[in-house]
Amino acid sequence: TRVLMGAIDLISAVFPEKVKDIDLDILAR
């Protein structure tokens, strides 16, 4: 369930164009 929660939080994230790919990693973890 917690792996799924991280997957959902990442794929549903909204972020500004200046945010880099590595900045999103924490959302899934």
PDB file of all heavy atoms in Angstrom:
ATOM      1  N   THR A   1       0.827  -1.210   0.000  1.00  0.00           N
ATOM      2  CA  THR A   1       0.000   0.000   0.000  1.00  0.00           C
ATOM      3  C   THR A   1       0.855   1.251   0.000  1.00  0.00           C
ATOM      4  O   THR A   1       0.565   2.224  -0.708  1.00  0.00           O
ATOM      5  CB  THR A   1      -0.931  -0.003   1.223  1.00  0.00           C
ATOM      6  OG1 THR A   1      -1.739  -1.187   1.213  1.00  0.00           O
ATOM      7  CG2 THR A   1      -1.847   1.220   1.201  1.00  0.00           C
ATOM      8  N   ARG A   2       1.933   1.247   0.769  1.00  0.00           N
ATOM      9  CA  ARG A   2       2.791   2.433   0.823  1.00  0.00           C
ATOM     10  C   ARG A   2       3.564   2.634  -0.482  1.00  0.00           C
ATOM     11  O   ARG A   2       3.824   3.766  -0.885  1.00  0.00           O
ATOM     12  CB  ARG A   2       3.727   2.354   2.025  1.00  0.00           C
ATOM     13  CG  ARG A   2       2.967   2.531   3.336  1.00  0.00           C
ATOM     14  CD  ARG A   2       3.858   2.571   4.559  1.00  0.00           C
ATOM     15  NE  ARG A   2       3.054   2.813   5.751  1.00  0.00           N
ATOM     16  CZ  ARG A   2       2.681   4.014   6.182  1.00  0.00           C
ATOM     17  NH1 ARG A   2       3.061   5.092   5.515  1.00  0.00           N
ATOM     18  NH2 ARG A   2       1.949   4.144   7.268  1.00  0.00           N
ATOM     19  N   VAL A   3       3.930   1.556  -1.137  1.00  0.00           N
ATOM     20  CA  VAL A   3       4.534   1.688  -2.472  1.00  0.00           C
ATOM     21  C   VAL A   3       3.519   2.290  -3.438  1.00  0.00           C
ATOM     22  O   VAL A   3       3.844   3.193  -4.228  1.00  0.00           O
ATOM     23  CB  VAL A   3       5.032   0.322  -2.983  1.00  0.00           C
ATOM     24  CG1 VAL A   3       5.471   0.422  -4.448  1.00  0.00           C
ATOM     25  CG2 VAL A   3       6.198  -0.176  -2.127  1.00  0.00           C
ATOM     26  N   LEU A   4       2.277   1.825  -3.367  1.00  0.00           N
ATOM     27  CA  LEU A   4       1.221   2.368  -4.217  1.00  0.00           C
ATOM     28  C   LEU A   4       0.976   3.842  -3.912  1.00  0.00           C
ATOM     29  O   LEU A   4       0.805   4.665  -4.830  1.00  0.00           O
ATOM     30  CB  LEU A   4      -0.069   1.571  -4.023  1.00  0.00           C
ATOM     31  CG  LEU A   4      -1.310   2.089  -4.761  1.00  0.00           C
ATOM     32  CD1 LEU A   4      -1.085   2.107  -6.271  1.00  0.00           C
ATOM     33  CD2 LEU A   4      -2.532   1.249  -4.407  1.00  0.00           C
ATOM     34  N   MET A   5       0.969   4.199  -2.639  1.00  0.00           N
ATOM     35  CA  MET A   5       0.767   5.604  -2.257  1.00  0.00           C
ATOM     36  C   MET A   5       1.845   6.496  -2.870  1.00  0.00           C
ATOM     37  O   MET A   5       1.554   7.585  -3.390  1.00  0.00           O
ATOM     38  CB  MET A   5       0.776   5.727  -0.733  1.00  0.00           C
ATOM     39  CG  MET A   5      -0.425   5.092  -0.054  1.00  0.00           C
ATOM     40  SD  MET A   5      -0.174   4.822   1.730  1.00  0.00           S
ATOM     41  CE  MET A   5      -0.009   6.518   2.314  1.00  0.00           C
ATOM     42  N   GLY A   6       3.088   6.036  -2.825  1.00  0.00           N
ATOM     43  CA  GLY A   6       4.178   6.806  -3.421  1.00  0.00           C
ATOM     44  C   GLY A   6       4.030   6.939  -4.924  1.00  0.00           C
ATOM     45  O   GLY A   6       4.276   8.001  -5.503  1.00  0.00           O
ATOM     46  N   ALA A   7       3.607   5.838  -5.577  1.00  0.00           N
ATOM     47  CA  ALA A   7       3.403   5.867  -7.026  1.00  0.00           C
ATOM     48  C   ALA A   7       2.303   6.855  -7.399  1.00  0.00           C
ATOM     49  O   ALA A   7       2.428   7.614  -8.374  1.00  0.00           O
ATOM     50  CB  ALA A   7       3.055   4.463  -7.529  1.00  0.00           C
ATOM     51  N   ILE A   8       1.223   6.873  -6.629  1.00  0.00           N
ATOM     52  CA  ILE A   8       0.119   7.798  -6.900  1.00  0.00           C
ATOM     53  C   ILE A   8       0.553   9.234  -6.663  1.00  0.00           C
ATOM     54  O   ILE A   8       0.258  10.137  -7.463  1.00  0.00           O
ATOM     55  CB  ILE A   8      -1.107   7.448  -6.027  1.00  0.00           C
ATOM     56  CG1 ILE A   8      -1.684   6.097  -6.434  1.00  0.00           C
ATOM     57  CG2 ILE A   8      -2.172   8.539  -6.142  1.00  0.00           C
ATOM     58  CD1 ILE A   8      -2.795   5.598  -5.527  1.00  0.00           C
ATOM     59  N   ASP A   9       1.266   9.475  -5.559  1.00  0.00           N
ATOM     60  CA  ASP A   9       1.691  10.843  -5.247  1.00  0.00           C
ATOM     61  C   ASP A   9       2.614  11.404  -6.321  1.00  0.00           C
ATOM     62  O   ASP A   9       2.566  12.604  -6.625  1.00  0.00           O
ATOM     63  CB  ASP A   9       2.387  10.874  -3.883  1.00  0.00           C
ATOM     64  CG  ASP A   9       1.417  10.659  -2.730  1.00  0.00           C
ATOM     65  OD1 ASP A   9       0.196  10.710  -2.968  1.00  0.00           O
ATOM     66  OD2 ASP A   9       1.880  10.431  -1.590  1.00  0.00           O
ATOM     67  N   LEU A  10       3.461  10.550  -6.901  1.00  0.00           N
ATOM     68  CA  LEU A  10       4.355  11.018  -7.960  1.00  0.00           C
ATOM     69  C   LEU A  10       3.582  11.307  -9.241  1.00  0.00           C
ATOM     70  O   LEU A  10       3.710  12.388  -9.826  1.00  0.00           O
ATOM     71  CB  LEU A  10       5.446   9.979  -8.231  1.00  0.00           C
ATOM     72  CG  LEU A  10       6.352  10.262  -9.438  1.00  0.00           C
ATOM     73  CD1 LEU A  10       7.064  11.596  -9.277  1.00  0.00           C
ATOM     74  CD2 LEU A  10       7.362   9.133  -9.636  1.00  0.00           C
ATOM     75  N   ILE A  11       2.773  10.372  -9.681  1.00  0.00           N
ATOM     76  CA  ILE A  11       2.125  10.517 -10.990  1.00  0.00           C
ATOM     77  C   ILE A  11       1.060  11.617 -10.974  1.00  0.00           C
ATOM     78  O   ILE A  11       0.731  12.181 -12.022  1.00  0.00           O
ATOM     79  CB  ILE A  11       1.526   9.167 -11.434  1.00  0.00           C
ATOM     80  CG1 ILE A  11       1.401   9.110 -12.960  1.00  0.00           C
ATOM     81  CG2 ILE A  11       0.184   8.897 -10.772  1.00  0.00           C
ATOM     82  CD1 ILE A  11       1.116   7.720 -13.504  1.00  0.00           C
ATOM     83  N   SER A  12       0.535  11.954  -9.796  1.00  0.00           N
ATOM     84  CA  SER A  12      -0.486  12.999  -9.706  1.00  0.00           C
ATOM     85  C   SER A  12       0.093  14.350  -9.302  1.00  0.00           C
ATOM     86  O   SER A  12      -0.658  15.318  -9.130  1.00  0.00           O
ATOM     87  CB  SER A  12      -1.573  12.587  -8.701  1.00  0.00           C
ATOM     88  OG  SER A  12      -1.018  12.384  -7.411  1.00  0.00           O
ATOM     89  N   ALA A  13       1.425  14.422  -9.184  1.00  0.00           N
ATOM     90  CA  ALA A  13       2.062  15.673  -8.761  1.00  0.00           C
ATOM     91  C   ALA A  13       1.877  16.766  -9.810  1.00  0.00           C
ATOM     92  O   ALA A  13       1.860  16.501 -11.014  1.00  0.00           O
ATOM     93  CB  ALA A  13       3.550  15.440  -8.503  1.00  0.00           C
ATOM     94  N   VAL A  14       1.747  18.000  -9.342  1.00  0.00           N
ATOM     95  CA  VAL A  14       1.738  19.186 -10.202  1.00  0.00           C
ATOM     96  C   VAL A  14       2.941  20.025  -9.802  1.00  0.00           C
ATOM     97  O   VAL A  14       3.124  20.329  -8.616  1.00  0.00           O
ATOM     98  CB  VAL A  14       0.437  19.990 -10.039  1.00  0.00           C
ATOM     99  CG1 VAL A  14       0.492  21.263 -10.883  1.00  0.00           C
ATOM    100  CG2 VAL A  14      -0.768  19.143 -10.424  1.00  0.00           C
ATOM    101  N   PHE A  15       3.775  20.408 -10.768  1.00  0.00           N
ATOM    102  CA  PHE A  15       5.030  21.064 -10.441  1.00  0.00           C
ATOM    103  C   PHE A  15       5.374  22.109 -11.498  1.00  0.00           C
ATOM    104  O   PHE A  15       5.020  21.957 -12.672  1.00  0.00           O
ATOM    105  CB  PHE A  15       6.164  20.031 -10.336  1.00  0.00           C
ATOM    106  CG  PHE A  15       6.287  19.125 -11.526  1.00  0.00           C
ATOM    107  CD1 PHE A  15       7.160  19.426 -12.568  1.00  0.00           C
ATOM    108  CD2 PHE A  15       5.530  17.963 -11.609  1.00  0.00           C
ATOM    109  CE1 PHE A  15       7.267  18.591 -13.666  1.00  0.00           C
ATOM    110  CE2 PHE A  15       5.631  17.117 -12.716  1.00  0.00           C
ATOM    111  CZ  PHE A  15       6.508  17.436 -13.740  1.00  0.00           C
ATOM    112  N   PRO A  16       6.067  23.181 -11.106  1.00  0.00           N
ATOM    113  CA  PRO A  16       6.444  24.222 -12.082  1.00  0.00           C
ATOM    114  C   PRO A  16       7.541  23.746 -13.013  1.00  0.00           C
ATOM    115  O   PRO A  16       8.294  22.813 -12.705  1.00  0.00           O
ATOM    116  CB  PRO A  16       6.916  25.374 -11.194  1.00  0.00           C
ATOM    117  CG  PRO A  16       7.308  24.743  -9.911  1.00  0.00           C
ATOM    118  CD  PRO A  16       6.427  23.546  -9.729  1.00  0.00           C
ATOM    119  N   GLU A  17       7.659  24.403 -14.137  1.00  0.00           N
ATOM    120  CA  GLU A  17       8.588  23.989 -15.196  1.00  0.00           C
ATOM    121  C   GLU A  17      10.045  24.007 -14.763  1.00  0.00           C
ATOM    122  O   GLU A  17      10.881  23.333 -15.359  1.00  0.00           O
ATOM    123  CB  GLU A  17       8.412  24.882 -16.418  1.00  0.00           C
ATOM    124  CG  GLU A  17       8.629  26.358 -16.141  1.00  0.00           C
ATOM    125  CD  GLU A  17       8.261  27.242 -17.318  1.00  0.00           C
ATOM    126  OE1 GLU A  17       8.114  26.708 -18.433  1.00  0.00           O
ATOM    127  OE2 GLU A  17       8.118  28.454 -17.137  1.00  0.00           O
ATOM    128  N   LYS A  18      10.389  24.756 -13.726  1.00  0.00           N
ATOM    129  CA  LYS A  18      11.771  24.843 -13.267  1.00  0.00           C
ATOM    130  C   LYS A  18      12.172  23.687 -12.357  1.00  0.00           C
ATOM    131  O   LYS A  18      13.340  23.539 -12.018  1.00  0.00           O
ATOM    132  CB  LYS A  18      12.004  26.176 -12.551  1.00  0.00           C
ATOM    133  CG  LYS A  18      11.934  27.391 -13.467  1.00  0.00           C
ATOM    134  CD  LYS A  18      12.274  28.670 -12.734  1.00  0.00           C
ATOM    135  CE  LYS A  18      12.237  29.873 -13.676  1.00  0.00           C
ATOM    136  NZ  LYS A  18      12.566  31.138 -12.969  1.00  0.00           N
ATOM    137  N   VAL A  19      11.218  22.884 -11.948  1.00  0.00           N
ATOM    138  CA  VAL A  19      11.510  21.721 -11.112  1.00  0.00           C
ATOM    139  C   VAL A  19      12.157  20.636 -11.966  1.00  0.00           C
ATOM    140  O   VAL A  19      11.691  20.334 -13.073  1.00  0.00           O
ATOM    141  CB  VAL A  19      10.228  21.194 -10.442  1.00  0.00           C
ATOM    142  CG1 VAL A  19      10.456  19.820  -9.832  1.00  0.00           C
ATOM    143  CG2 VAL A  19       9.759  22.172  -9.368  1.00  0.00           C
ATOM    144  N   LYS A  20      13.222  20.026 -11.465  1.00  0.00           N
ATOM    145  CA  LYS A  20      13.937  18.991 -12.211  1.00  0.00           C
ATOM    146  C   LYS A  20      13.453  17.601 -11.814  1.00  0.00           C
ATOM    147  O   LYS A  20      12.814  17.409 -10.777  1.00  0.00           O
ATOM    148  CB  LYS A  20      15.443  19.118 -11.975  1.00  0.00           C
ATOM    149  CG  LYS A  20      16.034  20.402 -12.541  1.00  0.00           C
ATOM    150  CD  LYS A  20      17.541  20.435 -12.349  1.00  0.00           C
ATOM    151  CE  LYS A  20      18.148  21.688 -12.974  1.00  0.00           C
ATOM    152  NZ  LYS A  20      19.611  21.740 -12.806  1.00  0.00           N
ATOM    153  N   ASP A  21      13.797  16.633 -12.653  1.00  0.00           N
ATOM    154  CA  ASP A  21      13.356  15.257 -12.412  1.00  0.00           C
ATOM    155  C   ASP A  21      13.779  14.737 -11.035  1.00  0.00           C
ATOM    156  O   ASP A  21      13.001  14.088 -10.333  1.00  0.00           O
ATOM    157  CB  ASP A  21      13.845  14.326 -13.525  1.00  0.00           C
ATOM    158  CG  ASP A  21      15.319  14.507 -13.871  1.00  0.00           C
ATOM    159  OD1 ASP A  21      16.050  15.184 -13.120  1.00  0.00           O
ATOM    160  OD2 ASP A  21      15.749  13.976 -14.922  1.00  0.00           O
ATOM    161  N   ILE A  22      15.006  15.050 -10.623  1.00  0.00           N
ATOM    162  CA  ILE A  22      15.491  14.535  -9.339  1.00  0.00           C
ATOM    163  C   ILE A  22      14.726  15.125  -8.158  1.00  0.00           C
ATOM    164  O   ILE A  22      14.689  14.517  -7.079  1.00  0.00           O
ATOM    165  CB  ILE A  22      17.002  14.806  -9.162  1.00  0.00           C
ATOM    166  CG1 ILE A  22      17.300  16.303  -9.255  1.00  0.00           C
ATOM    167  CG2 ILE A  22      17.814  14.031 -10.175  1.00  0.00           C
ATOM    168  CD1 ILE A  22      18.743  16.650  -8.937  1.00  0.00           C
ATOM    169  N   ASP A  23      14.119  16.295  -8.346  1.00  0.00           N
ATOM    170  CA  ASP A  23      13.375  16.919  -7.257  1.00  0.00           C
ATOM    171  C   ASP A  23      12.081  16.179  -6.940  1.00  0.00           C
ATOM    172  O   ASP A  23      11.502  16.374  -5.869  1.00  0.00           O
ATOM    173  CB  ASP A  23      13.050  18.375  -7.613  1.00  0.00           C
ATOM    174  CG  ASP A  23      14.291  19.209  -7.860  1.00  0.00           C
ATOM    175  OD1 ASP A  23      15.287  19.007  -7.134  1.00  0.00           O
ATOM    176  OD2 ASP A  23      14.287  20.044  -8.788  1.00  0.00           O
ATOM    177  N   LEU A  24      11.613  15.344  -7.849  1.00  0.00           N
ATOM    178  CA  LEU A  24      10.354  14.634  -7.658  1.00  0.00           C
ATOM    179  C   LEU A  24      10.530  13.281  -6.981  1.00  0.00           C
ATOM    180  O   LEU A  24       9.545  12.675  -6.539  1.00  0.00           O
ATOM    181  CB  LEU A  24       9.674  14.433  -9.016  1.00  0.00           C
ATOM    182  CG  LEU A  24       9.334  15.716  -9.790  1.00  0.00           C
ATOM    183  CD1 LEU A  24       8.842  15.364 -11.187  1.00  0.00           C
ATOM    184  CD2 LEU A  24       8.295  16.535  -9.044  1.00  0.00           C
ATOM    185  N   ASP A  25      11.741  12.804  -6.889  1.00  0.00           N
ATOM    186  CA  ASP A  25      12.002  11.459  -6.364  1.00  0.00           C
ATOM    187  C   ASP A  25      11.443  11.278  -4.956  1.00  0.00           C
ATOM    188  O   ASP A  25      10.890  10.226  -4.617  1.00  0.00           O
ATOM    189  CB  ASP A  25      13.512  11.197  -6.380  1.00  0.00           C
ATOM    190  CG  ASP A  25      13.875   9.812  -5.893  1.00  0.00           C
ATOM    191  OD1 ASP A  25      13.672   8.850  -6.653  1.00  0.00           O
ATOM    192  OD2 ASP A  25      14.346   9.686  -4.745  1.00  0.00           O
ATOM    193  N   ILE A  26      11.567  12.291  -4.125  1.00  0.00           N
ATOM    194  CA  ILE A  26      11.160  12.194  -2.724  1.00  0.00           C
ATOM    195  C   ILE A  26       9.668  11.910  -2.579  1.00  0.00           C
ATOM    196  O   ILE A  26       9.236  11.275  -1.611  1.00  0.00           O
ATOM    197  CB  ILE A  26      11.532  13.507  -1.980  1.00  0.00           C
ATOM    198  CG1 ILE A  26      11.317  13.374  -0.471  1.00  0.00           C
ATOM    199  CG2 ILE A  26      10.756  14.682  -2.541  1.00  0.00           C
ATOM    200  CD1 ILE A  26      12.249  12.416   0.197  1.00  0.00           C
ATOM    201  N   LEU A  27       8.863  12.350  -3.553  1.00  0.00           N
ATOM    202  CA  LEU A  27       7.421  12.152  -3.459  1.00  0.00           C
ATOM    203  C   LEU A  27       7.060  10.674  -3.383  1.00  0.00           C
ATOM    204  O   LEU A  27       6.139  10.280  -2.664  1.00  0.00           O
ATOM    205  CB  LEU A  27       6.719  12.791  -4.661  1.00  0.00           C
ATOM    206  CG  LEU A  27       6.848  14.308  -4.802  1.00  0.00           C
ATOM    207  CD1 LEU A  27       6.173  14.768  -6.096  1.00  0.00           C
ATOM    208  CD2 LEU A  27       6.252  15.022  -3.604  1.00  0.00           C
ATOM    209  N   ALA A  28       7.766   9.850  -4.149  1.00  0.00           N
ATOM    210  CA  ALA A  28       7.470   8.424  -4.178  1.00  0.00           C
ATOM    211  C   ALA A  28       7.982   7.692  -2.945  1.00  0.00           C
ATOM    212  O   ALA A  28       7.471   6.626  -2.596  1.00  0.00           O
ATOM    213  CB  ALA A  28       8.062   7.794  -5.436  1.00  0.00           C
ATOM    214  N   ARG A  29       8.969   8.246  -2.279  1.00  0.00           N
ATOM    215  CA  ARG A  29       9.580   7.564  -1.134  1.00  0.00           C
ATOM    216  C   ARG A  29       8.949   7.940   0.208  1.00  0.00           C
ATOM    217  O   ARG A  29       9.067   7.183   1.183  1.00  0.00           O
ATOM    218  CB  ARG A  29      11.083   7.871  -1.089  1.00  0.00           C
ATOM    219  CG  ARG A  29      11.847   7.371  -2.305  1.00  0.00           C
ATOM    220  CD  ARG A  29      13.338   7.688  -2.223  1.00  0.00           C
ATOM    221  NE  ARG A  29      13.994   7.451  -3.482  1.00  0.00           N
ATOM    222  CZ  ARG A  29      14.580   6.283  -3.831  1.00  0.00           C
ATOM    223  NH1 ARG A  29      14.586   5.275  -2.995  1.00  0.00           N
ATOM    224  NH2 ARG A  29      15.157   6.158  -5.013  1.00  0.00           N
TER     225      ARG A  29
END
